[in-house]
Amino acid sequence: MEALLEAFPSLGLLALEPPGWGGNLLRGLVNSIQIALGAFGLGLVIGTLGAYGKLYGGPVLRDLLAIYTTVVRAVPELVLILILYYAVTDLVNQALVSFGYARVQVSGLMAGIAVLGVVQGAYATEVLRGAILAVPVGQVEAARAMGMPPVMLARRITLPAMLGFAMPGLANLWLIATKDTALLAIVGFGELTLETRQAAGSTKAYFTFFLAAGALYLTLTLVSGWLFGRIERWARRGDREMGRARG
């Protein structure tokens, strides 16, 4: 290790303890993962409701959901973040003041989750809608013929059956969520990209810190890919069993 530090002295800047900045980068990575997990989970909830609304809702609901998914997917994420983070927060505070309540200070973590969750929800709506449509119609018709109510049909038939079709798209959405957390640096939230910029600006070792940040993002991507691969194989276990039965 000492020989490595002598050959590359800038690596000492990545030490976990001061004067190294490694602890700051890891703290930023943890914040990025927290936001990505929260946004991805919120996006799944919005996407599930949106997918069912588009498929089985009334014409007004379908039109509103079409506007939501079209606008969110058309406008760049950075613009949406600025609009939702600043404009919506200001509107909420103005409404509170008009009703005699005090202004509220929204935490950066919750605001980041909410903003990216809305963005994730638009994409998840289309991913899950396509996955639901991929479920064999015969399975749904058989469940309805047995008298299953809609909620039970979704819980026991549609959602388990569509999971295998949805996993590749959901895996991509998760990776997008991890990368979109970097956009929150524009509003001053201390995620990995902002921590990297601060460390690089203070030490002028831009190459070292941005290379380290890239390595952290790559590691997160590889681990996520492995995990989602395991989940997809589990979700498609019924397809393999059916194939063996037919063989």
C-alpha atoms as a PDB file:
ATOM      1  CA  MET A   1       0.000   0.000   0.000  1.00  0.00           C
ATOM      2  CA  GLU A   2       2.808   2.427   0.869  1.00  0.00           C
ATOM      3  CA  ALA A   3       4.522   1.739  -2.442  1.00  0.00           C
ATOM      4  CA  LEU A   4       1.244   2.371  -4.243  1.00  0.00           C
ATOM      5  CA  LEU A   5       0.778   5.675  -2.434  1.00  0.00           C
ATOM      6  CA  GLU A   6       4.335   6.687  -3.298  1.00  0.00           C
ATOM      7  CA  ALA A   7       3.696   5.932  -6.963  1.00  0.00           C
ATOM      8  CA  PHE A   8       0.271   7.617  -6.968  1.00  0.00           C
ATOM      9  CA  PRO A   9       0.239  10.209  -4.149  1.00  0.00           C
ATOM     10  CA  SER A  10      -3.209  11.467  -5.165  1.00  0.00           C
ATOM     11  CA  LEU A  11      -4.688   8.166  -3.915  1.00  0.00           C
ATOM     12  CA  GLY A  12      -4.108   9.428  -0.388  1.00  0.00           C
ATOM     13  CA  LEU A  13      -6.875  11.925  -1.027  1.00  0.00           C
ATOM     14  CA  LEU A  14      -9.324   8.987  -1.120  1.00  0.00           C
ATOM     15  CA  ALA A  15      -8.583   7.991   2.479  1.00  0.00           C
ATOM     16  CA  LEU A  16     -11.690   7.596   4.629  1.00  0.00           C
ATOM     17  CA  GLU A  17     -10.366   9.878   7.358  1.00  0.00           C
ATOM     18  CA  PRO A  18      -9.378  13.556   6.935  1.00  0.00           C
ATOM     19  CA  PRO A  19      -7.485  14.934   5.156  1.00  0.00           C
ATOM     20  CA  GLY A  20      -8.815  12.259   2.779  1.00  0.00           C
ATOM     21  CA  TRP A  21     -12.212  12.687   1.143  1.00  0.00           C
ATOM     22  CA  GLY A  22     -13.163   9.028   0.804  1.00  0.00           C
ATOM     23  CA  GLY A  23     -15.649   9.234   3.660  1.00  0.00           C
ATOM     24  CA  ASN A  24     -17.437  12.115   1.923  1.00  0.00           C
ATOM     25  CA  LEU A  25     -17.722  10.120  -1.288  1.00  0.00           C
ATOM     26  CA  LEU A  26     -19.128   7.100   0.538  1.00  0.00           C
ATOM     27  CA  ARG A  27     -21.608   9.310   2.369  1.00  0.00           C
ATOM     28  CA  GLY A  28     -22.689  10.736  -0.977  1.00  0.00           C
ATOM     29  CA  LEU A  29     -23.055   7.213  -2.378  1.00  0.00           C
ATOM     30  CA  VAL A  30     -25.280   6.220   0.555  1.00  0.00           C
ATOM     31  CA  ASN A  31     -27.443   9.301  -0.028  1.00  0.00           C
ATOM     32  CA  SER A  32     -27.686   8.455  -3.733  1.00  0.00           C
ATOM     33  CA  ILE A  33     -28.777   4.897  -2.960  1.00  0.00           C
ATOM     34  CA  GLN A  34     -31.362   6.119  -0.434  1.00  0.00           C
ATOM     35  CA  ILE A  35     -32.885   8.519  -2.949  1.00  0.00           C
ATOM     36  CA  ALA A  36     -32.801   5.927  -5.742  1.00  0.00           C
ATOM     37  CA  LEU A  37     -34.507   3.306  -3.559  1.00  0.00           C
ATOM     38  CA  GLY A  38     -37.196   5.730  -2.422  1.00  0.00           C
ATOM     39  CA  ALA A  39     -37.795   7.092  -5.923  1.00  0.00           C
ATOM     40  CA  PHE A  40     -37.853   3.618  -7.452  1.00  0.00           C
ATOM     41  CA  GLY A  41     -40.352   2.399  -4.841  1.00  0.00           C
ATOM     42  CA  LEU A  42     -42.572   5.462  -5.279  1.00  0.00           C
ATOM     43  CA  GLY A  43     -42.315   5.058  -9.045  1.00  0.00           C
ATOM     44  CA  LEU A  44     -43.454   1.436  -8.786  1.00  0.00           C
ATOM     45  CA  VAL A  45     -46.522   2.477  -6.797  1.00  0.00           C
ATOM     46  CA  ILE A  46     -47.383   5.246  -9.250  1.00  0.00           C
ATOM     47  CA  GLY A  47     -46.591   2.989 -12.203  1.00  0.00           C
ATOM     48  CA  THR A  48     -48.793   0.144 -10.972  1.00  0.00           C
ATOM     49  CA  LEU A  49     -51.736   2.446 -10.374  1.00  0.00           C
ATOM     50  CA  GLY A  50     -51.085   4.227 -13.654  1.00  0.00           C
ATOM     51  CA  ALA A  51     -50.856   0.997 -15.653  1.00  0.00           C
ATOM     52  CA  TYR A  52     -54.140  -0.318 -14.281  1.00  0.00           C
ATOM     53  CA  GLY A  53     -55.718   3.095 -14.762  1.00  0.00           C
ATOM     54  CA  LYS A  54     -54.670   3.204 -18.404  1.00  0.00           C
ATOM     55  CA  LEU A  55     -55.913  -0.318 -19.062  1.00  0.00           C
ATOM     56  CA  TYR A  56     -59.113  -0.442 -17.028  1.00  0.00           C
ATOM     57  CA  GLY A  57     -59.920   3.152 -16.051  1.00  0.00           C
ATOM     58  CA  GLY A  58     -62.525   5.442 -17.562  1.00  0.00           C
ATOM     59  CA  PRO A  59     -61.831   7.746 -20.501  1.00  0.00           C
ATOM     60  CA  VAL A  60     -61.119  10.780 -18.300  1.00  0.00           C
ATOM     61  CA  LEU A  61     -58.624   8.877 -16.154  1.00  0.00           C
ATOM     62  CA  ARG A  62     -56.934   7.399 -19.228  1.00  0.00           C
ATOM     63  CA  ASP A  63     -56.600  10.860 -20.788  1.00  0.00           C
ATOM     64  CA  LEU A  64     -55.123  12.338 -17.604  1.00  0.00           C
ATOM     65  CA  LEU A  65     -52.620   9.489 -17.312  1.00  0.00           C
ATOM     66  CA  ALA A  66     -51.707   9.872 -21.001  1.00  0.00           C
ATOM     67  CA  ILE A  67     -50.974  13.574 -20.412  1.00  0.00           C
ATOM     68  CA  TYR A  68     -48.889  12.739 -17.329  1.00  0.00           C
ATOM     69  CA  THR A  69     -46.751  10.090 -19.023  1.00  0.00           C
ATOM     70  CA  THR A  70     -46.339  12.138 -22.210  1.00  0.00           C
ATOM     71  CA  VAL A  71     -45.278  15.346 -20.457  1.00  0.00           C
ATOM     72  CA  VAL A  72     -42.887  13.677 -18.025  1.00  0.00           C
ATOM     73  CA  ARG A  73     -41.222  11.599 -20.726  1.00  0.00           C
ATOM     74  CA  ALA A  74     -40.981  14.574 -23.098  1.00  0.00           C
ATOM     75  CA  VAL A  75     -39.481  17.138 -20.700  1.00  0.00           C
ATOM     76  CA  PRO A  76     -35.824  16.651 -19.648  1.00  0.00           C
ATOM     77  CA  GLU A  77     -35.386  15.341 -16.105  1.00  0.00           C
ATOM     78  CA  LEU A  78     -33.299  18.345 -15.073  1.00  0.00           C
ATOM     79  CA  VAL A  79     -36.090  20.755 -16.042  1.00  0.00           C
ATOM     80  CA  LEU A  80     -38.655  18.626 -14.187  1.00  0.00           C
ATOM     81  CA  ILE A  81     -36.460  18.566 -11.093  1.00  0.00           C
ATOM     82  CA  LEU A  82     -36.164  22.359 -11.082  1.00  0.00           C
ATOM     83  CA  ILE A  83     -39.913  22.790 -11.630  1.00  0.00           C
ATOM     84  CA  LEU A  84     -40.988  20.262  -9.020  1.00  0.00           C
ATOM     85  CA  TYR A  85     -38.324  21.146  -6.462  1.00  0.00           C
ATOM     86  CA  TYR A  86     -38.734  24.922  -6.541  1.00  0.00           C
ATOM     87  CA  ALA A  87     -42.101  25.758  -8.099  1.00  0.00           C
ATOM     88  CA  VAL A  88     -44.205  23.054  -6.438  1.00  0.00           C
ATOM     89  CA  THR A  89     -42.609  23.650  -3.027  1.00  0.00           C
ATOM     90  CA  ASP A  90     -43.311  27.368  -3.386  1.00  0.00           C
ATOM     91  CA  LEU A  91     -46.936  26.710  -4.367  1.00  0.00           C
ATOM     92  CA  VAL A  92     -47.428  24.443  -1.351  1.00  0.00           C
ATOM     93  CA  ASN A  93     -46.002  27.073   1.004  1.00  0.00           C
ATOM     94  CA  GLN A  94     -48.123  29.808  -0.541  1.00  0.00           C
ATOM     95  CA  ALA A  95     -51.226  27.658  -0.058  1.00  0.00           C
ATOM     96  CA  LEU A  96     -50.276  26.999   3.580  1.00  0.00           C
ATOM     97  CA  VAL A  97     -49.719  30.696   4.253  1.00  0.00           C
ATOM     98  CA  SER A  98     -53.055  31.611   2.653  1.00  0.00           C
ATOM     99  CA  PHE A  99     -54.820  29.225   5.056  1.00  0.00           C
ATOM    100  CA  GLY A 100     -52.983  30.649   8.052  1.00  0.00           C
ATOM    101  CA  TYR A 101     -50.355  27.930   8.462  1.00  0.00           C
ATOM    102  CA  ALA A 102     -46.599  28.373   8.708  1.00  0.00           C
ATOM    103  CA  ARG A 103     -44.324  27.666   5.787  1.00  0.00           C
ATOM    104  CA  VAL A 104     -42.680  24.254   5.786  1.00  0.00           C
ATOM    105  CA  GLN A 105     -39.085  23.377   4.980  1.00  0.00           C
ATOM    106  CA  VAL A 106     -38.992  20.280   2.813  1.00  0.00           C
ATOM    107  CA  SER A 107     -35.975  18.061   3.483  1.00  0.00           C
ATOM    108  CA  GLY A 108     -33.652  17.489   0.568  1.00  0.00           C
ATOM    109  CA  LEU A 109     -33.987  13.712   0.909  1.00  0.00           C
ATOM    110  CA  MET A 110     -37.789  13.686   0.781  1.00  0.00           C
ATOM    111  CA  ALA A 111     -37.886  16.272  -2.004  1.00  0.00           C
ATOM    112  CA  GLY A 112     -35.393  14.255  -4.057  1.00  0.00           C
ATOM    113  CA  ILE A 113     -37.396  11.065  -3.587  1.00  0.00           C
ATOM    114  CA  ALA A 114     -40.652  12.790  -4.510  1.00  0.00           C
ATOM    115  CA  VAL A 115     -39.240  14.510  -7.596  1.00  0.00           C
ATOM    116  CA  LEU A 116     -37.511  11.459  -9.025  1.00  0.00           C
ATOM    117  CA  GLY A 117     -40.441   9.247  -7.985  1.00  0.00           C
ATOM    118  CA  VAL A 118     -42.794  11.263 -10.177  1.00  0.00           C
ATOM    119  CA  VAL A 119     -40.377  10.893 -13.089  1.00  0.00           C
ATOM    120  CA  GLN A 120     -39.952   7.164 -12.441  1.00  0.00           C
ATOM    121  CA  GLY A 121     -43.713   6.711 -12.202  1.00  0.00           C
ATOM    122  CA  ALA A 122     -44.293   7.885 -15.773  1.00  0.00           C
ATOM    123  CA  TYR A 123     -41.834   5.381 -17.208  1.00  0.00           C
ATOM    124  CA  ALA A 124     -42.950   2.598 -14.857  1.00  0.00           C
ATOM    125  CA  THR A 125     -46.536   3.117 -16.000  1.00  0.00           C
ATOM    126  CA  GLU A 126     -45.648   2.197 -19.564  1.00  0.00           C
ATOM    127  CA  VAL A 127     -43.312  -0.653 -18.550  1.00  0.00           C
ATOM    128  CA  LEU A 128     -45.941  -2.274 -16.333  1.00  0.00           C
ATOM    129  CA  ARG A 129     -48.761  -1.630 -18.811  1.00  0.00           C
ATOM    130  CA  GLY A 130     -46.831  -3.515 -21.478  1.00  0.00           C
ATOM    131  CA  ALA A 131     -46.046  -6.319 -19.037  1.00  0.00           C
ATOM    132  CA  ILE A 132     -49.698  -6.689 -18.061  1.00  0.00           C
ATOM    133  CA  LEU A 133     -50.698  -6.868 -21.719  1.00  0.00           C
ATOM    134  CA  ALA A 134     -48.126  -9.649 -22.183  1.00  0.00           C
ATOM    135  CA  VAL A 135     -49.900 -11.898 -19.659  1.00  0.00           C
ATOM    136  CA  PRO A 136     -51.714 -14.691 -21.570  1.00  0.00           C
ATOM    137  CA  VAL A 137     -55.365 -13.735 -21.946  1.00  0.00           C
ATOM    138  CA  GLY A 138     -56.459 -17.272 -21.164  1.00  0.00           C
ATOM    139  CA  GLN A 139     -55.146 -17.033 -17.605  1.00  0.00           C
ATOM    140  CA  VAL A 140     -57.107 -13.864 -16.939  1.00  0.00           C
ATOM    141  CA  GLU A 141     -60.280 -15.241 -18.530  1.00  0.00           C
ATOM    142  CA  ALA A 142     -60.010 -18.457 -16.519  1.00  0.00           C
ATOM    143  CA  ALA A 143     -59.681 -16.468 -13.281  1.00  0.00           C
ATOM    144  CA  ARG A 144     -62.694 -14.356 -14.167  1.00  0.00           C
ATOM    145  CA  ALA A 145     -64.672 -17.481 -15.040  1.00  0.00           C
ATOM    146  CA  MET A 146     -63.920 -18.794 -11.539  1.00  0.00           C
ATOM    147  CA  GLY A 147     -65.416 -15.633 -10.070  1.00  0.00           C
ATOM    148  CA  MET A 148     -62.238 -13.933  -8.862  1.00  0.00           C
ATOM    149  CA  PRO A 149     -62.817 -10.267  -7.936  1.00  0.00           C
ATOM    150  CA  PRO A 150     -60.511  -7.729  -9.633  1.00  0.00           C
ATOM    151  CA  VAL A 151     -58.219  -7.223  -6.617  1.00  0.00           C
ATOM    152  CA  MET A 152     -57.707 -10.942  -6.091  1.00  0.00           C
ATOM    153  CA  LEU A 153     -57.192 -11.454  -9.834  1.00  0.00           C
ATOM    154  CA  ALA A 154     -54.460  -8.811  -9.846  1.00  0.00           C
ATOM    155  CA  ARG A 155     -52.782 -10.182  -6.717  1.00  0.00           C
ATOM    156  CA  ARG A 156     -52.861 -13.873  -7.634  1.00  0.00           C
ATOM    157  CA  ILE A 157     -52.742 -13.878 -11.438  1.00  0.00           C
ATOM    158  CA  THR A 158     -51.801 -10.646 -13.205  1.00  0.00           C
ATOM    159  CA  LEU A 159     -49.052  -9.241 -10.979  1.00  0.00           C
ATOM    160  CA  PRO A 160     -47.111 -12.534 -10.504  1.00  0.00           C
ATOM    161  CA  ALA A 161     -47.447 -13.425 -14.197  1.00  0.00           C
ATOM    162  CA  MET A 162     -46.350 -10.039 -15.509  1.00  0.00           C
ATOM    163  CA  LEU A 163     -43.326  -9.733 -13.217  1.00  0.00           C
ATOM    164  CA  GLY A 164     -41.048 -11.721 -15.508  1.00  0.00           C
ATOM    165  CA  PHE A 165     -42.000  -9.542 -18.483  1.00  0.00           C
ATOM    166  CA  ALA A 166     -41.487  -6.347 -16.490  1.00  0.00           C
ATOM    167  CA  MET A 167     -38.121  -7.114 -14.884  1.00  0.00           C
ATOM    168  CA  PRO A 168     -35.835  -6.027 -17.781  1.00  0.00           C
ATOM    169  CA  GLY A 169     -37.622  -2.685 -18.025  1.00  0.00           C
ATOM    170  CA  LEU A 170     -37.679  -2.229 -14.249  1.00  0.00           C
ATOM    171  CA  ALA A 171     -33.967  -3.000 -14.072  1.00  0.00           C
ATOM    172  CA  ASN A 172     -33.329  -0.218 -16.569  1.00  0.00           C
ATOM    173  CA  LEU A 173     -35.523   2.150 -14.553  1.00  0.00           C
ATOM    174  CA  TRP A 174     -33.519   1.378 -11.407  1.00  0.00           C
ATOM    175  CA  LEU A 175     -30.261   2.191 -13.190  1.00  0.00           C
ATOM    176  CA  ILE A 176     -31.798   5.405 -14.502  1.00  0.00           C
ATOM    177  CA  ALA A 177     -32.842   6.270 -10.941  1.00  0.00           C
ATOM    178  CA  THR A 178     -29.299   5.792  -9.640  1.00  0.00           C
ATOM    179  CA  LYS A 179     -27.919   8.064 -12.352  1.00  0.00           C
ATOM    180  CA  ASP A 180     -30.674  10.685 -12.053  1.00  0.00           C
ATOM    181  CA  THR A 181     -29.707  11.245  -8.424  1.00  0.00           C
ATOM    182  CA  ALA A 182     -26.692  13.101  -9.832  1.00  0.00           C
ATOM    183  CA  LEU A 183     -29.081  15.743 -11.171  1.00  0.00           C
ATOM    184  CA  LEU A 184     -30.041  16.659  -7.600  1.00  0.00           C
ATOM    185  CA  ALA A 185     -26.627  18.265  -7.240  1.00  0.00           C
ATOM    186  CA  ILE A 186     -28.145  21.243  -9.066  1.00  0.00           C
ATOM    187  CA  VAL A 187     -30.394  21.905  -6.036  1.00  0.00           C
ATOM    188  CA  GLY A 188     -27.561  21.405  -3.565  1.00  0.00           C
ATOM    189  CA  PHE A 189     -28.357  17.950  -2.210  1.00  0.00           C
ATOM    190  CA  GLY A 190     -25.256  16.123  -0.975  1.00  0.00           C
ATOM    191  CA  GLU A 191     -25.337  13.025  -3.157  1.00  0.00           C
ATOM    192  CA  LEU A 192     -22.297  11.397  -4.757  1.00  0.00           C
ATOM    193  CA  THR A 193     -21.845  13.825  -7.633  1.00  0.00           C
ATOM    194  CA  LEU A 194     -22.002  16.922  -5.440  1.00  0.00           C
ATOM    195  CA  GLU A 195     -19.614  15.418  -2.891  1.00  0.00           C
ATOM    196  CA  THR A 196     -17.237  14.560  -5.732  1.00  0.00           C
ATOM    197  CA  ARG A 197     -17.375  18.074  -7.135  1.00  0.00           C
ATOM    198  CA  GLN A 198     -16.681  19.575  -3.720  1.00  0.00           C
ATOM    199  CA  ALA A 199     -13.750  17.234  -3.099  1.00  0.00           C
ATOM    200  CA  ALA A 200     -12.295  17.849  -6.547  1.00  0.00           C
ATOM    201  CA  GLY A 201     -12.753  21.606  -6.259  1.00  0.00           C
ATOM    202  CA  SER A 202     -11.031  21.720  -2.886  1.00  0.00           C
ATOM    203  CA  THR A 203      -8.037  19.582  -3.882  1.00  0.00           C
ATOM    204  CA  LYS A 204      -7.900  20.291  -7.643  1.00  0.00           C
ATOM    205  CA  ALA A 205      -7.515  16.519  -8.130  1.00  0.00           C
ATOM    206  CA  TYR A 206     -10.385  16.343 -10.600  1.00  0.00           C
ATOM    207  CA  PHE A 207      -9.244  13.224 -12.405  1.00  0.00           C
ATOM    208  CA  THR A 208      -8.760  11.249  -9.181  1.00  0.00           C
ATOM    209  CA  PHE A 209     -12.143  12.049  -7.675  1.00  0.00           C
ATOM    210  CA  PHE A 210     -14.263  11.773 -10.799  1.00  0.00           C
ATOM    211  CA  LEU A 211     -12.565   8.480 -11.644  1.00  0.00           C
ATOM    212  CA  ALA A 212     -13.364   7.262  -8.119  1.00  0.00           C
ATOM    213  CA  ALA A 213     -16.989   8.387  -8.491  1.00  0.00           C
ATOM    214  CA  GLY A 214     -17.224   6.563 -11.818  1.00  0.00           C
ATOM    215  CA  ALA A 215     -15.877   3.415 -10.167  1.00  0.00           C
ATOM    216  CA  LEU A 216     -18.520   3.679  -7.427  1.00  0.00           C
ATOM    217  CA  TYR A 217     -21.323   4.119  -9.978  1.00  0.00           C
ATOM    218  CA  LEU A 218     -19.972   1.172 -11.987  1.00  0.00           C
ATOM    219  CA  THR A 219     -19.843  -1.021  -8.884  1.00  0.00           C
ATOM    220  CA  LEU A 220     -23.437  -0.093  -8.046  1.00  0.00           C
ATOM    221  CA  THR A 221     -24.475  -0.921 -11.611  1.00  0.00           C
ATOM    222  CA  LEU A 222     -22.771  -4.323 -11.583  1.00  0.00           C
ATOM    223  CA  VAL A 223     -24.268  -5.291  -8.226  1.00  0.00           C
ATOM    224  CA  SER A 224     -27.699  -4.096  -9.351  1.00  0.00           C
ATOM    225  CA  GLY A 225     -27.438  -6.065 -12.600  1.00  0.00           C
ATOM    226  CA  TRP A 226     -26.584  -9.239 -10.703  1.00  0.00           C
ATOM    227  CA  LEU A 227     -29.444  -8.726  -8.245  1.00  0.00           C
ATOM    228  CA  PHE A 228     -32.050  -7.984 -10.903  1.00  0.00           C
ATOM    229  CA  GLY A 229     -30.836 -10.992 -12.884  1.00  0.00           C
ATOM    230  CA  ARG A 230     -31.510 -13.197  -9.876  1.00  0.00           C
ATOM    231  CA  ILE A 231     -34.964 -11.684  -9.432  1.00  0.00           C
ATOM    232  CA  GLU A 232     -35.789 -12.142 -13.113  1.00  0.00           C
ATOM    233  CA  ARG A 233     -34.759 -15.801 -13.030  1.00  0.00           C
ATOM    234  CA  TRP A 234     -36.937 -16.282  -9.950  1.00  0.00           C
ATOM    235  CA  ALA A 235     -39.871 -14.518 -11.624  1.00  0.00           C
ATOM    236  CA  ARG A 236     -39.541 -16.707 -14.734  1.00  0.00           C
ATOM    237  CA  ARG A 237     -39.187 -19.982 -12.853  1.00  0.00           C
ATOM    238  CA  GLY A 238     -42.720 -20.950 -13.889  1.00  0.00           C
ATOM    239  CA  ASP A 239     -41.788 -20.573 -17.592  1.00  0.00           C
ATOM    240  CA  ARG A 240     -38.894 -23.023 -17.189  1.00  0.00           C
ATOM    241  CA  GLU A 241     -41.057 -25.511 -15.309  1.00  0.00           C
ATOM    242  CA  MET A 242     -43.737 -25.278 -17.978  1.00  0.00           C
ATOM    243  CA  GLY A 243     -41.133 -25.813 -20.705  1.00  0.00           C
ATOM    244  CA  ARG A 244     -39.822 -28.935 -18.976  1.00  0.00           C
ATOM    245  CA  ALA A 245     -43.365 -30.250 -18.561  1.00  0.00           C
ATOM    246  CA  ARG A 246     -44.071 -29.793 -22.247  1.00  0.00           C
ATOM    247  CA  GLY A 247     -40.787 -31.457 -23.137  1.00  0.00           C
END
